[in-house]
PDB file of N, CA and C in Angstrom:
ATOM      1  N   UNK A   1      -0.408  -4.730  10.484  1.00  0.00           N
ATOM      2  CA  UNK A   1       0.725  -3.842  10.280  1.00  0.00           C
ATOM      3  C   UNK A   1       0.321  -2.583   9.518  1.00  0.00           C
ATOM      4  N   UNK A   2      -0.559  -2.750   8.512  1.00  0.00           N
ATOM      5  CA  UNK A   2      -0.988  -1.577   7.744  1.00  0.00           C
ATOM      6  C   UNK A   2      -1.773  -0.604   8.626  1.00  0.00           C
ATOM      7  N   UNK A   3      -2.669  -1.128   9.461  1.00  0.00           N
ATOM      8  CA  UNK A   3      -3.443  -0.262  10.363  1.00  0.00           C
ATOM      9  C   UNK A   3      -2.521   0.553  11.252  1.00  0.00           C
ATOM     10  N   UNK A   4      -1.558  -0.111  11.831  1.00  0.00           N
ATOM     11  CA  UNK A   4      -0.638   0.555  12.753  1.00  0.00           C
ATOM     12  C   UNK A   4       0.227   1.585  12.009  1.00  0.00           C
ATOM     13  N   UNK A   5       0.751   1.221  10.865  1.00  0.00           N
ATOM     14  CA  UNK A   5       1.667   2.104  10.133  1.00  0.00           C
ATOM     15  C   UNK A   5       0.955   3.323   9.558  1.00  0.00           C
ATOM     16  N   UNK A   6      -0.269   3.133   9.053  1.00  0.00           N
ATOM     17  CA  UNK A   6      -1.013   4.244   8.459  1.00  0.00           C
ATOM     18  C   UNK A   6      -1.860   5.000   9.478  1.00  0.00           C
ATOM     19  N   UNK A   7      -2.010   4.437  10.658  1.00  0.00           N
ATOM     20  CA  UNK A   7      -2.825   5.033  11.731  1.00  0.00           C
ATOM     21  C   UNK A   7      -4.277   5.233  11.305  1.00  0.00           C
ATOM     22  N   UNK A   8      -4.810   4.263  10.579  1.00  0.00           N
ATOM     23  CA  UNK A   8      -6.221   4.282  10.196  1.00  0.00           C
ATOM     24  C   UNK A   8      -6.782   2.873  10.358  1.00  0.00           C
ATOM     25  N   UNK A   9      -8.112   2.783  10.398  1.00  0.00           N
ATOM     26  CA  UNK A   9      -8.788   1.492  10.470  1.00  0.00           C
ATOM     27  C   UNK A   9      -9.321   1.116   9.094  1.00  0.00           C
ATOM     28  N   UNK A  10      -9.759  -0.130   8.967  1.00  0.00           N
ATOM     29  CA  UNK A  10     -10.365  -0.574   7.712  1.00  0.00           C
ATOM     30  C   UNK A  10     -11.507   0.351   7.330  1.00  0.00           C
ATOM     31  N   UNK A  11     -11.578   0.669   6.046  1.00  0.00           N
ATOM     32  CA  UNK A  11     -12.637   1.539   5.551  1.00  0.00           C
ATOM     33  C   UNK A  11     -12.323   3.015   5.675  1.00  0.00           C
ATOM     34  N   UNK A  12     -11.175   3.353   6.231  1.00  0.00           N
ATOM     35  CA  UNK A  12     -10.796   4.758   6.406  1.00  0.00           C
ATOM     36  C   UNK A  12      -9.729   5.172   5.392  1.00  0.00           C
ATOM     37  N   UNK A  13      -9.539   6.485   5.314  1.00  0.00           N
ATOM     38  CA  UNK A  13      -8.537   7.089   4.435  1.00  0.00           C
ATOM     39  C   UNK A  13      -7.608   7.934   5.282  1.00  0.00           C
ATOM     40  N   UNK A  14      -6.327   7.961   4.929  1.00  0.00           N
ATOM     41  CA  UNK A  14      -5.380   8.801   5.666  1.00  0.00           C
ATOM     42  C   UNK A  14      -5.753  10.268   5.472  1.00  0.00           C
ATOM     43  N   UNK A  15      -5.414  11.132   6.435  1.00  0.00           N
ATOM     44  CA  UNK A  15      -5.765  12.549   6.337  1.00  0.00           C
ATOM     45  C   UNK A  15      -5.262  13.222   5.055  1.00  0.00           C
ATOM     46  N   UNK A  16      -4.128  12.777   4.527  1.00  0.00           N
ATOM     47  CA  UNK A  16      -3.614  13.371   3.288  1.00  0.00           C
ATOM     48  C   UNK A  16      -4.278  12.780   2.039  1.00  0.00           C
ATOM     49  N   UNK A  17      -5.228  11.855   2.269  1.00  0.00           N
ATOM     50  CA  UNK A  17      -5.995  11.193   1.211  1.00  0.00           C
ATOM     51  C   UNK A  17      -5.115  10.360   0.274  1.00  0.00           C
ATOM     52  N   UNK A  18      -3.959   9.968   0.751  1.00  0.00           N
ATOM     53  CA  UNK A  18      -3.006   9.193  -0.042  1.00  0.00           C
ATOM     54  C   UNK A  18      -3.305   7.691   0.003  1.00  0.00           C
ATOM     55  N   UNK A  19      -3.835   7.211   1.148  1.00  0.00           N
ATOM     56  CA  UNK A  19      -4.057   5.778   1.316  1.00  0.00           C
ATOM     57  C   UNK A  19      -5.439   5.488   1.872  1.00  0.00           C
ATOM     58  N   UNK A  20      -6.056   4.427   1.331  1.00  0.00           N
ATOM     59  CA  UNK A  20      -7.276   3.833   1.882  1.00  0.00           C
ATOM     60  C   UNK A  20      -6.873   2.467   2.407  1.00  0.00           C
ATOM     61  N   UNK A  21      -7.560   2.014   3.427  1.00  0.00           N
ATOM     62  CA  UNK A  21      -7.293   0.679   3.953  1.00  0.00           C
ATOM     63  C   UNK A  21      -8.574  -0.136   3.872  1.00  0.00           C
ATOM     64  N   UNK A  22      -8.575  -1.126   3.015  1.00  0.00           N
ATOM     65  CA  UNK A  22      -9.744  -1.972   2.824  1.00  0.00           C
ATOM     66  C   UNK A  22      -9.334  -3.435   2.876  1.00  0.00           C
ATOM     67  N   UNK A  23     -10.263  -4.276   3.250  1.00  0.00           N
ATOM     68  CA  UNK A  23     -10.066  -5.716   3.218  1.00  0.00           C
ATOM     69  C   UNK A  23     -11.005  -6.272   2.164  1.00  0.00           C
ATOM     70  N   UNK A  24     -10.476  -7.096   1.287  1.00  0.00           N
ATOM     71  CA  UNK A  24     -11.295  -7.697   0.234  1.00  0.00           C
ATOM     72  C   UNK A  24     -11.120  -9.208   0.272  1.00  0.00           C
ATOM     73  N   UNK A  25     -12.090  -9.912  -0.286  1.00  0.00           N
ATOM     74  CA  UNK A  25     -12.025 -11.371  -0.302  1.00  0.00           C
ATOM     75  C   UNK A  25     -10.993 -11.873  -1.302  1.00  0.00           C
ATOM     76  N   UNK A  26     -10.859 -11.179  -2.437  1.00  0.00           N
ATOM     77  CA  UNK A  26      -9.967 -11.682  -3.483  1.00  0.00           C
ATOM     78  C   UNK A  26      -9.528 -10.551  -4.401  1.00  0.00           C
ATOM     79  N   UNK A  27      -8.243 -10.551  -4.761  1.00  0.00           N
ATOM     80  CA  UNK A  27      -7.741  -9.615  -5.776  1.00  0.00           C
ATOM     81  C   UNK A  27      -7.243 -10.390  -6.996  1.00  0.00           C
ATOM     82  N   UNK A  28      -7.528 -11.691  -7.025  1.00  0.00           N
ATOM     83  CA  UNK A  28      -7.174 -12.517  -8.170  1.00  0.00           C
ATOM     84  C   UNK A  28      -5.729 -12.965  -8.217  1.00  0.00           C
ATOM     85  N   UNK A  29      -5.076 -12.984  -7.076  1.00  0.00           N
ATOM     86  CA  UNK A  29      -3.656 -13.368  -7.024  1.00  0.00           C
ATOM     87  C   UNK A  29      -3.421 -14.415  -5.943  1.00  0.00           C
ATOM     88  N   UNK A  30      -4.234 -15.445  -5.912  1.00  0.00           N
ATOM     89  CA  UNK A  30      -4.156 -16.441  -4.835  1.00  0.00           C
ATOM     90  C   UNK A  30      -2.767 -17.043  -4.669  1.00  0.00           C
ATOM     91  N   UNK A  31      -2.080 -17.280  -5.757  1.00  0.00           N
ATOM     92  CA  UNK A  31      -0.756 -17.901  -5.684  1.00  0.00           C
ATOM     93  C   UNK A  31       0.275 -16.995  -5.023  1.00  0.00           C
ATOM     94  N   UNK A  32      -0.043 -15.691  -4.930  1.00  0.00           N
ATOM     95  CA  UNK A  32       0.888 -14.726  -4.342  1.00  0.00           C
ATOM     96  C   UNK A  32       0.522 -14.352  -2.908  1.00  0.00           C
ATOM     97  N   UNK A  33      -0.525 -14.945  -2.347  1.00  0.00           N
ATOM     98  CA  UNK A  33      -1.047 -14.543  -1.042  1.00  0.00           C
ATOM     99  C   UNK A  33      -0.001 -14.645   0.067  1.00  0.00           C
ATOM    100  N   UNK A  34      -0.105 -13.799   1.065  1.00  0.00           N
ATOM    101  CA  UNK A  34      -1.007 -12.652   1.179  1.00  0.00           C
ATOM    102  C   UNK A  34      -0.575 -11.509   0.260  1.00  0.00           C
ATOM    103  N   UNK A  35      -1.578 -10.815  -0.281  1.00  0.00           N
ATOM    104  CA  UNK A  35      -1.350  -9.776  -1.285  1.00  0.00           C
ATOM    105  C   UNK A  35      -1.810  -8.428  -0.758  1.00  0.00           C
ATOM    106  N   UNK A  36      -1.075  -7.396  -1.127  1.00  0.00           N
ATOM    107  CA  UNK A  36      -1.505  -6.023  -0.895  1.00  0.00           C
ATOM    108  C   UNK A  36      -1.471  -5.318  -2.238  1.00  0.00           C
ATOM    109  N   UNK A  37      -2.306  -4.309  -2.401  1.00  0.00           N
ATOM    110  CA  UNK A  37      -2.334  -3.550  -3.650  1.00  0.00           C
ATOM    111  C   UNK A  37      -2.039  -2.097  -3.310  1.00  0.00           C
ATOM    112  N   UNK A  38      -0.975  -1.575  -3.898  1.00  0.00           N
ATOM    113  CA  UNK A  38      -0.586  -0.180  -3.696  1.00  0.00           C
ATOM    114  C   UNK A  38      -0.488   0.461  -5.069  1.00  0.00           C
ATOM    115  N   UNK A  39      -1.242   1.542  -5.275  1.00  0.00           N
ATOM    116  CA  UNK A  39      -1.240   2.261  -6.550  1.00  0.00           C
ATOM    117  C   UNK A  39      -1.610   1.317  -7.698  1.00  0.00           C
ATOM    118  N   UNK A  40      -2.631   0.492  -7.464  1.00  0.00           N
ATOM    119  CA  UNK A  40      -3.153  -0.475  -8.437  1.00  0.00           C
ATOM    120  C   UNK A  40      -2.160  -1.565  -8.823  1.00  0.00           C
ATOM    121  N   UNK A  41      -1.085  -1.726  -8.053  1.00  0.00           N
ATOM    122  CA  UNK A  41      -0.082  -2.755  -8.343  1.00  0.00           C
ATOM    123  C   UNK A  41      -0.079  -3.787  -7.216  1.00  0.00           C
ATOM    124  N   UNK A  42      -0.458  -5.039  -7.537  1.00  0.00           N
ATOM    125  CA  UNK A  42      -0.440  -6.068  -6.499  1.00  0.00           C
ATOM    126  C   UNK A  42       0.987  -6.470  -6.127  1.00  0.00           C
ATOM    127  N   UNK A  43       1.190  -6.712  -4.851  1.00  0.00           N
ATOM    128  CA  UNK A  43       2.479  -7.183  -4.352  1.00  0.00           C
ATOM    129  C   UNK A  43       2.205  -8.415  -3.512  1.00  0.00           C
ATOM    130  N   UNK A  44       2.912  -9.484  -3.802  1.00  0.00           N
ATOM    131  CA  UNK A  44       2.649 -10.746  -3.147  1.00  0.00           C
ATOM    132  C   UNK A  44       3.603 -11.090  -2.029  1.00  0.00           C
ATOM    133  N   UNK A  45       3.209 -12.136  -1.282  1.00  0.00           N
ATOM    134  CA  UNK A  45       3.951 -12.627  -0.127  1.00  0.00           C
ATOM    135  C   UNK A  45       4.294 -11.489   0.842  1.00  0.00           C
ATOM    136  N   UNK A  46       3.312 -10.626   1.075  1.00  0.00           N
ATOM    137  CA  UNK A  46       3.527  -9.473   1.952  1.00  0.00           C
ATOM    138  C   UNK A  46       3.358  -9.897   3.401  1.00  0.00           C
ATOM    139  N   UNK A  47       4.405  -9.735   4.148  1.00  0.00           N
ATOM    140  CA  UNK A  47       4.395 -10.010   5.578  1.00  0.00           C
ATOM    141  C   UNK A  47       4.492  -8.677   6.310  1.00  0.00           C
ATOM    142  N   UNK A  48       4.098  -8.625   7.573  1.00  0.00           N
ATOM    143  CA  UNK A  48       4.148  -7.363   8.321  1.00  0.00           C
ATOM    144  C   UNK A  48       5.504  -6.663   8.258  1.00  0.00           C
ATOM    145  N   UNK A  49       6.577  -7.420   8.188  1.00  0.00           N
ATOM    146  CA  UNK A  49       7.906  -6.801   8.152  1.00  0.00           C
ATOM    147  C   UNK A  49       8.189  -6.086   6.834  1.00  0.00           C
ATOM    148  N   UNK A  50       7.366  -6.306   5.818  1.00  0.00           N
ATOM    149  CA  UNK A  50       7.581  -5.670   4.514  1.00  0.00           C
ATOM    150  C   UNK A  50       6.816  -4.358   4.345  1.00  0.00           C
ATOM    151  N   UNK A  51       5.911  -4.049   5.252  1.00  0.00           N
ATOM    152  CA  UNK A  51       5.043  -2.888   5.106  1.00  0.00           C
ATOM    153  C   UNK A  51       5.837  -1.583   5.005  1.00  0.00           C
ATOM    154  N   UNK A  52       6.787  -1.361   5.880  1.00  0.00           N
ATOM    155  CA  UNK A  52       7.565  -0.115   5.835  1.00  0.00           C
ATOM    156  C   UNK A  52       8.299   0.038   4.509  1.00  0.00           C
ATOM    157  N   UNK A  53       8.874  -1.034   4.005  1.00  0.00           N
ATOM    158  CA  UNK A  53       9.583  -0.976   2.729  1.00  0.00           C
ATOM    159  C   UNK A  53       8.658  -0.671   1.568  1.00  0.00           C
ATOM    160  N   UNK A  54       7.460  -1.241   1.586  1.00  0.00           N
ATOM    161  CA  UNK A  54       6.479  -0.976   0.531  1.00  0.00           C
ATOM    162  C   UNK A  54       6.073   0.493   0.552  1.00  0.00           C
ATOM    163  N   UNK A  55       5.808   1.023   1.738  1.00  0.00           N
ATOM    164  CA  UNK A  55       5.434   2.434   1.847  1.00  0.00           C
ATOM    165  C   UNK A  55       6.569   3.350   1.410  1.00  0.00           C
ATOM    166  N   UNK A  56       7.790   3.039   1.801  1.00  0.00           N
ATOM    167  CA  UNK A  56       8.939   3.850   1.406  1.00  0.00           C
ATOM    168  C   UNK A  56       9.108   3.837  -0.112  1.00  0.00           C
ATOM    169  N   UNK A  57       9.003   2.684  -0.727  1.00  0.00           N
ATOM    170  CA  UNK A  57       9.119   2.590  -2.188  1.00  0.00           C
ATOM    171  C   UNK A  57       8.049   3.424  -2.876  1.00  0.00           C
ATOM    172  N   UNK A  58       6.821   3.359  -2.362  1.00  0.00           N
ATOM    173  CA  UNK A  58       5.727   4.139  -2.937  1.00  0.00           C
ATOM    174  C   UNK A  58       6.017   5.632  -2.841  1.00  0.00           C
ATOM    175  N   UNK A  59       6.435   6.081  -1.664  1.00  0.00           N
ATOM    176  CA  UNK A  59       6.694   7.512  -1.468  1.00  0.00           C
ATOM    177  C   UNK A  59       7.866   7.992  -2.322  1.00  0.00           C
ATOM    178  N   UNK A  60       8.918   7.187  -2.444  1.00  0.00           N
ATOM    179  CA  UNK A  60      10.057   7.568  -3.288  1.00  0.00           C
ATOM    180  C   UNK A  60       9.645   7.662  -4.752  1.00  0.00           C
ATOM    181  N   UNK A  61       8.800   6.747  -5.195  1.00  0.00           N
ATOM    182  CA  UNK A  61       8.310   6.782  -6.575  1.00  0.00           C
ATOM    183  C   UNK A  61       7.470   8.029  -6.816  1.00  0.00           C
ATOM    184  N   UNK A  62       6.630   8.389  -5.851  1.00  0.00           N
ATOM    185  CA  UNK A  62       5.819   9.608  -5.977  1.00  0.00           C
ATOM    186  C   UNK A  62       6.699  10.851  -6.048  1.00  0.00           C
ATOM    187  N   UNK A  63       7.733  10.908  -5.214  1.00  0.00           N
ATOM    188  CA  UNK A  63       8.652  12.047  -5.237  1.00  0.00           C
ATOM    189  C   UNK A  63       9.367  12.125  -6.581  1.00  0.00           C
ATOM    190  N   UNK A  64       9.788  10.993  -7.105  1.00  0.00           N
ATOM    191  CA  UNK A  64      10.469  10.945  -8.400  1.00  0.00           C
ATOM    192  C   UNK A  64       9.541  11.451  -9.503  1.00  0.00           C
ATOM    193  N   UNK A  65       8.289  11.015  -9.485  1.00  0.00           N
ATOM    194  CA  UNK A  65       7.313  11.466 -10.475  1.00  0.00           C
ATOM    195  C   UNK A  65       7.097  12.969 -10.381  1.00  0.00           C
ATOM    196  N   UNK A  66       7.067  13.496  -9.157  1.00  0.00           N
ATOM    197  CA  UNK A  66       6.881  14.929  -8.956  1.00  0.00           C
ATOM    198  C   UNK A  66       8.031  15.733  -9.526  1.00  0.00           C
ATOM    199  N   UNK A  67       9.249  15.248  -9.362  1.00  0.00           N
ATOM    200  CA  UNK A  67      10.422  15.948  -9.891  1.00  0.00           C
ATOM    201  C   UNK A  67      10.452  15.901 -11.412  1.00  0.00           C
ATOM    202  N   UNK A  68       9.994  14.811 -12.002  1.00  0.00           N
ATOM    203  CA  UNK A  68       9.973  14.694 -13.456  1.00  0.00           C
ATOM    204  C   UNK A  68       8.937  15.619 -14.070  1.00  0.00           C
ATOM    205  N   UNK A  69       7.883  15.947 -13.324  1.00  0.00           N
ATOM    206  CA  UNK A  69       6.836  16.833 -13.823  1.00  0.00           C
ATOM    207  C   UNK A  69       7.252  18.295 -13.805  1.00  0.00           C
ATOM    208  N   UNK A  70       8.318  18.608 -13.093  1.00  0.00           N
ATOM    209  CA  UNK A  70       8.734  20.012 -12.963  1.00  0.00           C
ATOM    210  C   UNK A  70       9.505  20.468 -14.165  1.00  0.00           C
TER     211      UNK A  70
END
């Protein structure tokens, strides 16, 4: 789901340099598997149907941070 949504393959970075897509053996959160890490924050029990929501939350948080910096 991440490959399709970000339009990149493992080991690549999005053109805007916002996202990298990597596969790792362990992030130290076995009890939460499958896990994804966005902005250094692990998120557990991630299923393909959750990918769009995770990306939307990330982008909204970035926009909020940008407005607070102004």
